PDB file of all heavy atoms in Angstrom:
ATOM      1  N   GLU A   1      -4.986 -22.212 -12.219  1.00  0.00           N
ATOM      2  CA  GLU A   1      -4.718 -21.139 -11.274  1.00  0.00           C
ATOM      3  C   GLU A   1      -3.481 -20.388 -11.742  1.00  0.00           C
ATOM      4  O   GLU A   1      -2.360 -20.744 -11.435  1.00  0.00           O
ATOM      5  CB  GLU A   1      -4.499 -21.719  -9.867  1.00  0.00           C
ATOM      6  CG  GLU A   1      -5.751 -22.374  -9.316  1.00  0.00           C
ATOM      7  CD  GLU A   1      -5.537 -22.871  -7.903  1.00  0.00           C
ATOM      8  OE1 GLU A   1      -4.422 -22.686  -7.391  1.00  0.00           O
ATOM      9  OE2 GLU A   1      -6.466 -23.440  -7.330  1.00  0.00           O
ATOM     10  N   ARG A   2      -3.708 -19.328 -12.474  1.00  0.00           N
ATOM     11  CA  ARG A   2      -2.611 -18.559 -13.041  1.00  0.00           C
ATOM     12  C   ARG A   2      -2.209 -17.447 -12.109  1.00  0.00           C
ATOM     13  O   ARG A   2      -2.986 -16.947 -11.324  1.00  0.00           O
ATOM     14  CB  ARG A   2      -3.015 -17.983 -14.396  1.00  0.00           C
ATOM     15  CG  ARG A   2      -3.377 -19.029 -15.426  1.00  0.00           C
ATOM     16  CD  ARG A   2      -2.181 -19.933 -15.715  1.00  0.00           C
ATOM     17  NE  ARG A   2      -1.038 -19.172 -16.154  1.00  0.00           N
ATOM     18  CZ  ARG A   2      -0.857 -18.732 -17.394  1.00  0.00           C
ATOM     19  NH1 ARG A   2      -1.739 -19.025 -18.328  1.00  0.00           N
ATOM     20  NH2 ARG A   2       0.197 -18.039 -17.721  1.00  0.00           N
ATOM     21  N   HIS A   3      -0.951 -17.019 -12.218  1.00  0.00           N
ATOM     22  CA  HIS A   3      -0.450 -15.925 -11.387  1.00  0.00           C
ATOM     23  C   HIS A   3      -1.127 -14.621 -11.766  1.00  0.00           C
ATOM     24  O   HIS A   3      -1.302 -14.318 -12.930  1.00  0.00           O
ATOM     25  CB  HIS A   3       1.066 -15.793 -11.574  1.00  0.00           C
ATOM     26  CG  HIS A   3       1.644 -14.597 -10.909  1.00  0.00           C
ATOM     27  ND1 HIS A   3       1.760 -14.503  -9.540  1.00  0.00           N
ATOM     28  CD2 HIS A   3       2.102 -13.427 -11.411  1.00  0.00           C
ATOM     29  CE1 HIS A   3       2.296 -13.337  -9.237  1.00  0.00           C
ATOM     30  NE2 HIS A   3       2.503 -12.672 -10.353  1.00  0.00           N
ATOM     31  N   HIS A   4      -1.490 -13.848 -10.741  1.00  0.00           N
ATOM     32  CA  HIS A   4      -2.075 -12.538 -10.982  1.00  0.00           C
ATOM     33  C   HIS A   4      -0.974 -11.552 -11.349  1.00  0.00           C
ATOM     34  O   HIS A   4       0.024 -11.434 -10.637  1.00  0.00           O
ATOM     35  CB  HIS A   4      -2.797 -12.036  -9.729  1.00  0.00           C
ATOM     36  CG  HIS A   4      -4.029 -12.827  -9.425  1.00  0.00           C
ATOM     37  ND1 HIS A   4      -5.235 -12.552 -10.010  1.00  0.00           N
ATOM     38  CD2 HIS A   4      -4.230 -13.908  -8.625  1.00  0.00           C
ATOM     39  CE1 HIS A   4      -6.146 -13.409  -9.560  1.00  0.00           C
ATOM     40  NE2 HIS A   4      -5.546 -14.234  -8.712  1.00  0.00           N
ATOM     41  N   GLY A   5      -1.163 -10.828 -12.413  1.00  0.00           N
ATOM     42  CA  GLY A   5      -0.169  -9.861 -12.844  1.00  0.00           C
ATOM     43  C   GLY A   5      -0.231  -8.585 -12.043  1.00  0.00           C
ATOM     44  O   GLY A   5      -1.081  -8.399 -11.184  1.00  0.00           O
ATOM     45  N   ARG A   6       0.684  -7.691 -12.317  1.00  0.00           N
ATOM     46  CA  ARG A   6       0.709  -6.420 -11.616  1.00  0.00           C
ATOM     47  C   ARG A   6      -0.570  -5.659 -11.897  1.00  0.00           C
ATOM     48  O   ARG A   6      -1.076  -5.628 -13.002  1.00  0.00           O
ATOM     49  CB  ARG A   6       1.928  -5.615 -12.059  1.00  0.00           C
ATOM     50  CG  ARG A   6       3.227  -6.198 -11.541  1.00  0.00           C
ATOM     51  CD  ARG A   6       4.395  -5.473 -12.131  1.00  0.00           C
ATOM     52  NE  ARG A   6       4.332  -4.047 -11.857  1.00  0.00           N
ATOM     53  CZ  ARG A   6       5.170  -3.158 -12.367  1.00  0.00           C
ATOM     54  NH1 ARG A   6       6.106  -3.562 -13.193  1.00  0.00           N
ATOM     55  NH2 ARG A   6       5.067  -1.888 -12.065  1.00  0.00           N
ATOM     56  N   GLY A   7      -1.113  -5.061 -10.830  1.00  0.00           N
ATOM     57  CA  GLY A   7      -2.342  -4.313 -10.947  1.00  0.00           C
ATOM     58  C   GLY A   7      -3.574  -5.134 -10.630  1.00  0.00           C
ATOM     59  O   GLY A   7      -4.660  -4.611 -10.509  1.00  0.00           O
ATOM     60  N   GLU A   8      -3.387  -6.485 -10.442  1.00  0.00           N
ATOM     61  CA  GLU A   8      -4.498  -7.335 -10.082  1.00  0.00           C
ATOM     62  C   GLU A   8      -4.454  -7.602  -8.582  1.00  0.00           C
ATOM     63  O   GLU A   8      -3.537  -7.219  -7.885  1.00  0.00           O
ATOM     64  CB  GLU A   8      -4.444  -8.644 -10.876  1.00  0.00           C
ATOM     65  CG  GLU A   8      -4.501  -8.408 -12.388  1.00  0.00           C
ATOM     66  CD  GLU A   8      -4.421  -9.707 -13.145  1.00  0.00           C
ATOM     67  OE1 GLU A   8      -5.230 -10.597 -12.879  1.00  0.00           O
ATOM     68  OE2 GLU A   8      -3.544  -9.816 -14.004  1.00  0.00           O
ATOM     69  N   SER A   9      -5.453  -8.324  -8.094  1.00  0.00           N
ATOM     70  CA  SER A   9      -5.590  -8.483  -6.657  1.00  0.00           C
ATOM     71  C   SER A   9      -4.529  -9.374  -6.040  1.00  0.00           C
ATOM     72  O   SER A   9      -4.249  -9.274  -4.860  1.00  0.00           O
ATOM     73  CB  SER A   9      -6.978  -9.040  -6.322  1.00  0.00           C
ATOM     74  OG  SER A   9      -7.145 -10.326  -6.871  1.00  0.00           O
ATOM     75  N   GLY A  10      -3.964 -10.311  -6.816  1.00  0.00           N
ATOM     76  CA  GLY A  10      -2.831 -11.073  -6.319  1.00  0.00           C
ATOM     77  C   GLY A  10      -3.188 -12.287  -5.493  1.00  0.00           C
ATOM     78  O   GLY A  10      -2.322 -12.899  -4.914  1.00  0.00           O
ATOM     79  N   GLY A  11      -4.442 -12.681  -5.374  1.00  0.00           N
ATOM     80  CA  GLY A  11      -4.765 -13.929  -4.716  1.00  0.00           C
ATOM     81  C   GLY A  11      -5.073 -13.784  -3.249  1.00  0.00           C
ATOM     82  O   GLY A  11      -5.457 -12.733  -2.769  1.00  0.00           O
ATOM     83  N   SER A  12      -4.872 -14.882  -2.492  1.00  0.00           N
ATOM     84  CA  SER A  12      -5.439 -14.976  -1.162  1.00  0.00           C
ATOM     85  C   SER A  12      -4.606 -14.334  -0.068  1.00  0.00           C
ATOM     86  O   SER A  12      -5.107 -14.113   1.017  1.00  0.00           O
ATOM     87  CB  SER A  12      -5.632 -16.451  -0.804  1.00  0.00           C
ATOM     88  OG  SER A  12      -4.384 -17.107  -0.753  1.00  0.00           O
ATOM     89  N   LEU A  13      -3.326 -14.059  -0.319  1.00  0.00           N
ATOM     90  CA  LEU A  13      -2.478 -13.672   0.792  1.00  0.00           C
ATOM     91  C   LEU A  13      -2.073 -12.212   0.834  1.00  0.00           C
ATOM     92  O   LEU A  13      -1.368 -11.817   1.744  1.00  0.00           O
ATOM     93  CB  LEU A  13      -1.208 -14.539   0.795  1.00  0.00           C
ATOM     94  CG  LEU A  13      -1.407 -15.943   1.313  1.00  0.00           C
ATOM     95  CD1 LEU A  13      -0.068 -16.637   1.386  1.00  0.00           C
ATOM     96  CD2 LEU A  13      -2.048 -15.945   2.673  1.00  0.00           C
ATOM     97  N   LEU A  14      -2.455 -11.392  -0.107  1.00  0.00           N
ATOM     98  CA  LEU A  14      -2.033 -10.003  -0.002  1.00  0.00           C
ATOM     99  C   LEU A  14      -2.995  -9.064  -0.674  1.00  0.00           C
ATOM    100  O   LEU A  14      -3.384  -9.247  -1.802  1.00  0.00           O
ATOM    101  CB  LEU A  14      -0.639  -9.811  -0.635  1.00  0.00           C
ATOM    102  CG  LEU A  14      -0.152  -8.363  -0.600  1.00  0.00           C
ATOM    103  CD1 LEU A  14       0.052  -7.905   0.836  1.00  0.00           C
ATOM    104  CD2 LEU A  14       1.116  -8.186  -1.373  1.00  0.00           C
ATOM    105  N   LEU A  15      -3.380  -8.036   0.065  1.00  0.00           N
ATOM    106  CA  LEU A  15      -4.095  -6.920  -0.532  1.00  0.00           C
ATOM    107  C   LEU A  15      -3.731  -5.692   0.275  1.00  0.00           C
ATOM    108  O   LEU A  15      -3.818  -5.687   1.492  1.00  0.00           O
ATOM    109  CB  LEU A  15      -5.611  -7.150  -0.485  1.00  0.00           C
ATOM    110  CG  LEU A  15      -6.463  -6.061  -1.140  1.00  0.00           C
ATOM    111  CD1 LEU A  15      -6.162  -5.997  -2.633  1.00  0.00           C
ATOM    112  CD2 LEU A  15      -7.931  -6.330  -0.919  1.00  0.00           C
ATOM    113  N   LEU A  16      -3.268  -4.643  -0.384  1.00  0.00           N
ATOM    114  CA  LEU A  16      -2.963  -3.405   0.313  1.00  0.00           C
ATOM    115  C   LEU A  16      -4.230  -2.575   0.372  1.00  0.00           C
ATOM    116  O   LEU A  16      -4.824  -2.267  -0.653  1.00  0.00           O
ATOM    117  CB  LEU A  16      -1.857  -2.637  -0.430  1.00  0.00           C
ATOM    118  CG  LEU A  16      -0.503  -3.329  -0.465  1.00  0.00           C
ATOM    119  CD1 LEU A  16       0.495  -2.473  -1.217  1.00  0.00           C
ATOM    120  CD2 LEU A  16      -0.001  -3.605   0.929  1.00  0.00           C
ATOM    121  N   LEU A  17      -4.635  -2.208   1.575  1.00  0.00           N
ATOM    122  CA  LEU A  17      -5.881  -1.482   1.773  1.00  0.00           C
ATOM    123  C   LEU A  17      -5.632  -0.085   2.311  1.00  0.00           C
ATOM    124  O   LEU A  17      -4.759   0.124   3.152  1.00  0.00           O
ATOM    125  CB  LEU A  17      -6.773  -2.242   2.770  1.00  0.00           C
ATOM    126  CG  LEU A  17      -7.259  -3.618   2.334  1.00  0.00           C
ATOM    127  CD1 LEU A  17      -8.118  -4.202   3.440  1.00  0.00           C
ATOM    128  CD2 LEU A  17      -8.051  -3.527   1.057  1.00  0.00           C
ATOM    129  N   ASP A  18      -6.418   0.868   1.864  1.00  0.00           N
ATOM    130  CA  ASP A  18      -6.467   2.205   2.444  1.00  0.00           C
ATOM    131  C   ASP A  18      -5.102   2.869   2.485  1.00  0.00           C
ATOM    132  O   ASP A  18      -4.713   3.476   3.470  1.00  0.00           O
ATOM    133  CB  ASP A  18      -7.046   2.147   3.859  1.00  0.00           C
ATOM    134  CG  ASP A  18      -7.387   3.543   4.384  1.00  0.00           C
ATOM    135  OD1 ASP A  18      -7.700   4.428   3.567  1.00  0.00           O
ATOM    136  OD2 ASP A  18      -7.330   3.737   5.600  1.00  0.00           O
ATOM    137  N   LEU A  19      -4.340   2.734   1.418  1.00  0.00           N
ATOM    138  CA  LEU A  19      -3.039   3.387   1.347  1.00  0.00           C
ATOM    139  C   LEU A  19      -3.159   4.631   0.495  1.00  0.00           C
ATOM    140  O   LEU A  19      -3.554   4.559  -0.654  1.00  0.00           O
ATOM    141  CB  LEU A  19      -1.999   2.445   0.730  1.00  0.00           C
ATOM    142  CG  LEU A  19      -1.559   1.299   1.630  1.00  0.00           C
ATOM    143  CD1 LEU A  19      -0.655   0.376   0.855  1.00  0.00           C
ATOM    144  CD2 LEU A  19      -0.857   1.824   2.852  1.00  0.00           C
ATOM    145  N   ARG A  20      -2.823   5.778   1.064  1.00  0.00           N
ATOM    146  CA  ARG A  20      -2.887   7.039   0.330  1.00  0.00           C
ATOM    147  C   ARG A  20      -1.560   7.758   0.517  1.00  0.00           C
ATOM    148  O   ARG A  20      -1.413   8.614   1.360  1.00  0.00           O
ATOM    149  CB  ARG A  20      -4.032   7.913   0.848  1.00  0.00           C
ATOM    150  CG  ARG A  20      -5.399   7.258   0.728  1.00  0.00           C
ATOM    151  CD  ARG A  20      -5.814   7.109  -0.734  1.00  0.00           C
ATOM    152  NE  ARG A  20      -7.160   6.566  -0.823  1.00  0.00           N
ATOM    153  CZ  ARG A  20      -7.422   5.270  -0.913  1.00  0.00           C
ATOM    154  NH1 ARG A  20      -6.426   4.398  -0.904  1.00  0.00           N
ATOM    155  NH2 ARG A  20      -8.659   4.841  -0.993  1.00  0.00           N
ATOM    156  N   PHE A  21      -0.555   7.322  -0.266  1.00  0.00           N
ATOM    157  CA  PHE A  21       0.767   7.929  -0.142  1.00  0.00           C
ATOM    158  C   PHE A  21       0.844   9.202  -0.960  1.00  0.00           C
ATOM    159  O   PHE A  21       0.574   9.179  -2.153  1.00  0.00           O
ATOM    160  CB  PHE A  21       1.853   6.970  -0.646  1.00  0.00           C
ATOM    161  CG  PHE A  21       2.146   5.853   0.296  1.00  0.00           C
ATOM    162  CD1 PHE A  21       1.369   4.707   0.259  1.00  0.00           C
ATOM    163  CD2 PHE A  21       3.166   5.943   1.208  1.00  0.00           C
ATOM    164  CE1 PHE A  21       1.636   3.656   1.115  1.00  0.00           C
ATOM    165  CE2 PHE A  21       3.431   4.902   2.053  1.00  0.00           C
ATOM    166  CZ  PHE A  21       2.670   3.752   2.021  1.00  0.00           C
ATOM    167  N   PRO A  22       1.239  10.330  -0.356  1.00  0.00           N
ATOM    168  CA  PRO A  22       1.533  11.504  -1.165  1.00  0.00           C
ATOM    169  C   PRO A  22       2.745  11.213  -2.038  1.00  0.00           C
ATOM    170  O   PRO A  22       3.583  10.381  -1.698  1.00  0.00           O
ATOM    171  CB  PRO A  22       1.859  12.582  -0.116  1.00  0.00           C
ATOM    172  CG  PRO A  22       2.254  11.838   1.107  1.00  0.00           C
ATOM    173  CD  PRO A  22       1.501  10.537   1.076  1.00  0.00           C
ATOM    174  N   SER A  23       2.825  11.877  -3.182  1.00  0.00           N
ATOM    175  CA  SER A  23       3.912  11.581  -4.108  1.00  0.00           C
ATOM    176  C   SER A  23       5.258  12.030  -3.568  1.00  0.00           C
ATOM    177  O   SER A  23       6.289  11.500  -3.939  1.00  0.00           O
ATOM    178  CB  SER A  23       3.658  12.289  -5.449  1.00  0.00           C
ATOM    179  OG  SER A  23       3.606  13.683  -5.260  1.00  0.00           O
ATOM    180  N   GLN A  24       5.256  13.000  -2.670  1.00  0.00           N
ATOM    181  CA  GLN A  24       6.518  13.454  -2.097  1.00  0.00           C
ATOM    182  C   GLN A  24       6.228  14.036  -0.731  1.00  0.00           C
ATOM    183  O   GLN A  24       5.263  14.758  -0.534  1.00  0.00           O
ATOM    184  CB  GLN A  24       7.180  14.511  -2.984  1.00  0.00           C
ATOM    185  CG  GLN A  24       8.597  14.863  -2.534  1.00  0.00           C
ATOM    186  CD  GLN A  24       9.268  15.795  -3.524  1.00  0.00           C
ATOM    187  OE1 GLN A  24       8.605  16.400  -4.346  1.00  0.00           O
ATOM    188  NE2 GLN A  24      10.562  15.914  -3.441  1.00  0.00           N
ATOM    189  N   PHE A  25       7.034  13.682   0.280  1.00  0.00           N
ATOM    190  CA  PHE A  25       6.758  14.170   1.612  1.00  0.00           C
ATOM    191  C   PHE A  25       8.032  14.147   2.424  1.00  0.00           C
ATOM    192  O   PHE A  25       9.001  13.474   2.105  1.00  0.00           O
ATOM    193  CB  PHE A  25       5.676  13.336   2.304  1.00  0.00           C
ATOM    194  CG  PHE A  25       5.796  11.869   2.047  1.00  0.00           C
ATOM    195  CD1 PHE A  25       6.738  11.113   2.705  1.00  0.00           C
ATOM    196  CD2 PHE A  25       4.978  11.247   1.125  1.00  0.00           C
ATOM    197  CE1 PHE A  25       6.852   9.760   2.470  1.00  0.00           C
ATOM    198  CE2 PHE A  25       5.094   9.898   0.888  1.00  0.00           C
ATOM    199  CZ  PHE A  25       6.033   9.153   1.556  1.00  0.00           C
ATOM    200  N   SER A  26       8.003  14.864   3.545  1.00  0.00           N
ATOM    201  CA  SER A  26       9.167  14.905   4.416  1.00  0.00           C
ATOM    202  C   SER A  26       9.216  13.655   5.269  1.00  0.00           C
ATOM    203  O   SER A  26       8.274  12.863   5.315  1.00  0.00           O
ATOM    204  CB  SER A  26       9.076  16.120   5.331  1.00  0.00           C
ATOM    205  OG  SER A  26       8.011  15.948   6.249  1.00  0.00           O
ATOM    206  N   GLY A  27      10.333  13.496   6.007  1.00  0.00           N
ATOM    207  CA  GLY A  27      10.446  12.372   6.911  1.00  0.00           C
ATOM    208  C   GLY A  27       9.331  12.372   7.940  1.00  0.00           C
ATOM    209  O   GLY A  27       8.750  11.336   8.255  1.00  0.00           O
ATOM    210  N   LYS A  28       8.992  13.537   8.490  1.00  0.00           N
ATOM    211  CA  LYS A  28       7.917  13.619   9.482  1.00  0.00           C
ATOM    212  C   LYS A  28       6.582  13.250   8.838  1.00  0.00           C
ATOM    213  O   LYS A  28       5.778  12.508   9.405  1.00  0.00           O
ATOM    214  CB  LYS A  28       7.847  15.015  10.080  1.00  0.00           C
ATOM    215  CG  LYS A  28       6.743  15.160  11.145  1.00  0.00           C
ATOM    216  CD  LYS A  28       6.740  16.546  11.730  1.00  0.00           C
ATOM    217  CE  LYS A  28       5.687  16.666  12.839  1.00  0.00           C
ATOM    218  NZ  LYS A  28       4.343  16.372  12.361  1.00  0.00           N
ATOM    219  N   GLN A  29       6.336  13.773   7.635  1.00  0.00           N
ATOM    220  CA  GLN A  29       5.096  13.446   6.946  1.00  0.00           C
ATOM    221  C   GLN A  29       5.034  11.964   6.626  1.00  0.00           C
ATOM    222  O   GLN A  29       3.969  11.343   6.679  1.00  0.00           O
ATOM    223  CB  GLN A  29       4.976  14.265   5.660  1.00  0.00           C
ATOM    224  CG  GLN A  29       4.711  15.743   5.911  1.00  0.00           C
ATOM    225  CD  GLN A  29       4.852  16.545   4.646  1.00  0.00           C
ATOM    226  OE1 GLN A  29       5.645  16.223   3.768  1.00  0.00           O
ATOM    227  NE2 GLN A  29       4.074  17.614   4.553  1.00  0.00           N
ATOM    228  N   LEU A  30       6.185  11.370   6.271  1.00  0.00           N
ATOM    229  CA  LEU A  30       6.243   9.940   6.008  1.00  0.00           C
ATOM    230  C   LEU A  30       5.814   9.165   7.236  1.00  0.00           C
ATOM    231  O   LEU A  30       4.978   8.263   7.168  1.00  0.00           O
ATOM    232  CB  LEU A  30       7.663   9.542   5.603  1.00  0.00           C
ATOM    233  CG  LEU A  30       7.943   8.036   5.494  1.00  0.00           C
ATOM    234  CD1 LEU A  30       7.182   7.453   4.331  1.00  0.00           C
ATOM    235  CD2 LEU A  30       9.419   7.788   5.378  1.00  0.00           C
ATOM    236  N   LYS A  31       6.372   9.541   8.392  1.00  0.00           N
ATOM    237  CA  LYS A  31       6.042   8.840   9.624  1.00  0.00           C
ATOM    238  C   LYS A  31       4.559   8.980   9.954  1.00  0.00           C
ATOM    239  O   LYS A  31       3.869   7.997  10.237  1.00  0.00           O
ATOM    240  CB  LYS A  31       6.880   9.395  10.781  1.00  0.00           C
ATOM    241  CG  LYS A  31       6.625   8.671  12.111  1.00  0.00           C
ATOM    242  CD  LYS A  31       7.331   9.349  13.266  1.00  0.00           C
ATOM    243  CE  LYS A  31       6.598  10.639  13.626  1.00  0.00           C
ATOM    244  NZ  LYS A  31       7.113  11.232  14.860  1.00  0.00           N
ATOM    245  N   ASP A  32       4.048  10.191   9.901  1.00  0.00           N
ATOM    246  CA  ASP A  32       2.643  10.430  10.244  1.00  0.00           C
ATOM    247  C   ASP A  32       1.711   9.699   9.288  1.00  0.00           C
ATOM    248  O   ASP A  32       0.662   9.189   9.692  1.00  0.00           O
ATOM    249  CB  ASP A  32       2.337  11.925  10.223  1.00  0.00           C
ATOM    250  CG  ASP A  32       3.042  12.666  11.357  1.00  0.00           C
ATOM    251  OD1 ASP A  32       3.473  11.984  12.310  1.00  0.00           O
ATOM    252  OD2 ASP A  32       3.158  13.900  11.277  1.00  0.00           O
ATOM    253  N   SER A  33       2.095   9.642   7.995  1.00  0.00           N
ATOM    254  CA  SER A  33       1.244   8.976   7.016  1.00  0.00           C
ATOM    255  C   SER A  33       1.251   7.461   7.203  1.00  0.00           C
ATOM    256  O   SER A  33       0.208   6.822   7.291  1.00  0.00           O
ATOM    257  CB  SER A  33       1.703   9.315   5.594  1.00  0.00           C
ATOM    258  OG  SER A  33       0.962   8.612   4.647  1.00  0.00           O
ATOM    259  N   LEU A  34       2.444   6.888   7.289  1.00  0.00           N
ATOM    260  CA  LEU A  34       2.543   5.445   7.359  1.00  0.00           C
ATOM    261  C   LEU A  34       2.038   4.880   8.674  1.00  0.00           C
ATOM    262  O   LEU A  34       1.451   3.796   8.707  1.00  0.00           O
ATOM    263  CB  LEU A  34       3.998   4.995   7.139  1.00  0.00           C
ATOM    264  CG  LEU A  34       4.546   5.158   5.732  1.00  0.00           C
ATOM    265  CD1 LEU A  34       5.950   4.594   5.664  1.00  0.00           C
ATOM    266  CD2 LEU A  34       3.665   4.482   4.720  1.00  0.00           C
ATOM    267  N   MET A  35       2.261   5.608   9.768  1.00  0.00           N
ATOM    268  CA  MET A  35       1.851   5.084  11.056  1.00  0.00           C
ATOM    269  C   MET A  35       0.348   4.986  11.159  1.00  0.00           C
ATOM    270  O   MET A  35      -0.176   4.207  11.944  1.00  0.00           O
ATOM    271  CB  MET A  35       2.397   5.967  12.182  1.00  0.00           C
ATOM    272  CG  MET A  35       3.873   5.762  12.448  1.00  0.00           C
ATOM    273  SD  MET A  35       4.412   6.503  13.984  1.00  0.00           S
ATOM    274  CE  MET A  35       3.970   8.205  13.716  1.00  0.00           C
ATOM    275  N   LYS A  36      -0.382   5.773  10.362  1.00  0.00           N
ATOM    276  CA  LYS A  36      -1.834   5.795  10.456  1.00  0.00           C
ATOM    277  C   LYS A  36      -2.501   4.967   9.361  1.00  0.00           C
ATOM    278  O   LYS A  36      -3.702   5.040   9.163  1.00  0.00           O
ATOM    279  CB  LYS A  36      -2.334   7.244  10.406  1.00  0.00           C
ATOM    280  CG  LYS A  36      -1.854   8.055  11.611  1.00  0.00           C
ATOM    281  CD  LYS A  36      -2.271   9.508  11.538  1.00  0.00           C
ATOM    282  CE  LYS A  36      -1.719  10.287  12.720  1.00  0.00           C
ATOM    283  NZ  LYS A  36      -2.062  11.724  12.652  1.00  0.00           N
ATOM    284  N   LYS A  37      -1.720   4.211   8.621  1.00  0.00           N
ATOM    285  CA  LYS A  37      -2.263   3.342   7.581  1.00  0.00           C
ATOM    286  C   LYS A  37      -2.050   1.887   7.977  1.00  0.00           C
ATOM    287  O   LYS A  37      -1.167   1.554   8.754  1.00  0.00           O
ATOM    288  CB  LYS A  37      -1.584   3.610   6.223  1.00  0.00           C
ATOM    289  CG  LYS A  37      -1.707   5.059   5.764  1.00  0.00           C
ATOM    290  CD  LYS A  37      -3.143   5.481   5.613  1.00  0.00           C
ATOM    291  CE  LYS A  37      -3.224   6.938   5.175  1.00  0.00           C
ATOM    292  NZ  LYS A  37      -4.622   7.400   5.098  1.00  0.00           N
ATOM    293  N   ILE A  38      -2.847   1.017   7.436  1.00  0.00           N
ATOM    294  CA  ILE A  38      -2.781  -0.401   7.759  1.00  0.00           C
ATOM    295  C   ILE A  38      -2.438  -1.187   6.513  1.00  0.00           C
ATOM    296  O   ILE A  38      -3.102  -1.056   5.508  1.00  0.00           O
ATOM    297  CB  ILE A  38      -4.132  -0.917   8.294  1.00  0.00           C
ATOM    298  CG1 ILE A  38      -4.557  -0.098   9.515  1.00  0.00           C
ATOM    299  CG2 ILE A  38      -4.051  -2.388   8.637  1.00  0.00           C
ATOM    300  CD1 ILE A  38      -5.970  -0.418   9.943  1.00  0.00           C
ATOM    301  N   PHE A  39      -1.394  -2.013   6.627  1.00  0.00           N
ATOM    302  CA  PHE A  39      -1.179  -3.031   5.608  1.00  0.00           C
ATOM    303  C   PHE A  39      -1.987  -4.236   6.062  1.00  0.00           C
ATOM    304  O   PHE A  39      -1.699  -4.809   7.106  1.00  0.00           O
ATOM    305  CB  PHE A  39       0.294  -3.428   5.523  1.00  0.00           C
ATOM    306  CG  PHE A  39       1.157  -2.449   4.788  1.00  0.00           C
ATOM    307  CD1 PHE A  39       2.080  -1.693   5.478  1.00  0.00           C
ATOM    308  CD2 PHE A  39       1.051  -2.299   3.422  1.00  0.00           C
ATOM    309  CE1 PHE A  39       2.901  -0.806   4.808  1.00  0.00           C
ATOM    310  CE2 PHE A  39       1.863  -1.421   2.751  1.00  0.00           C
ATOM    311  CZ  PHE A  39       2.783  -0.663   3.448  1.00  0.00           C
TER     312      PHE A  39
END
């Protein structure tokens, strides 16, 4: 059982789903974007 490297799924305890971060945004855009996404 080897460690998953960066860019791999990382095993049983973590997967980031449905994250669509714009490359640059305002504080308001940050709030609206993050509040509507699920970790």
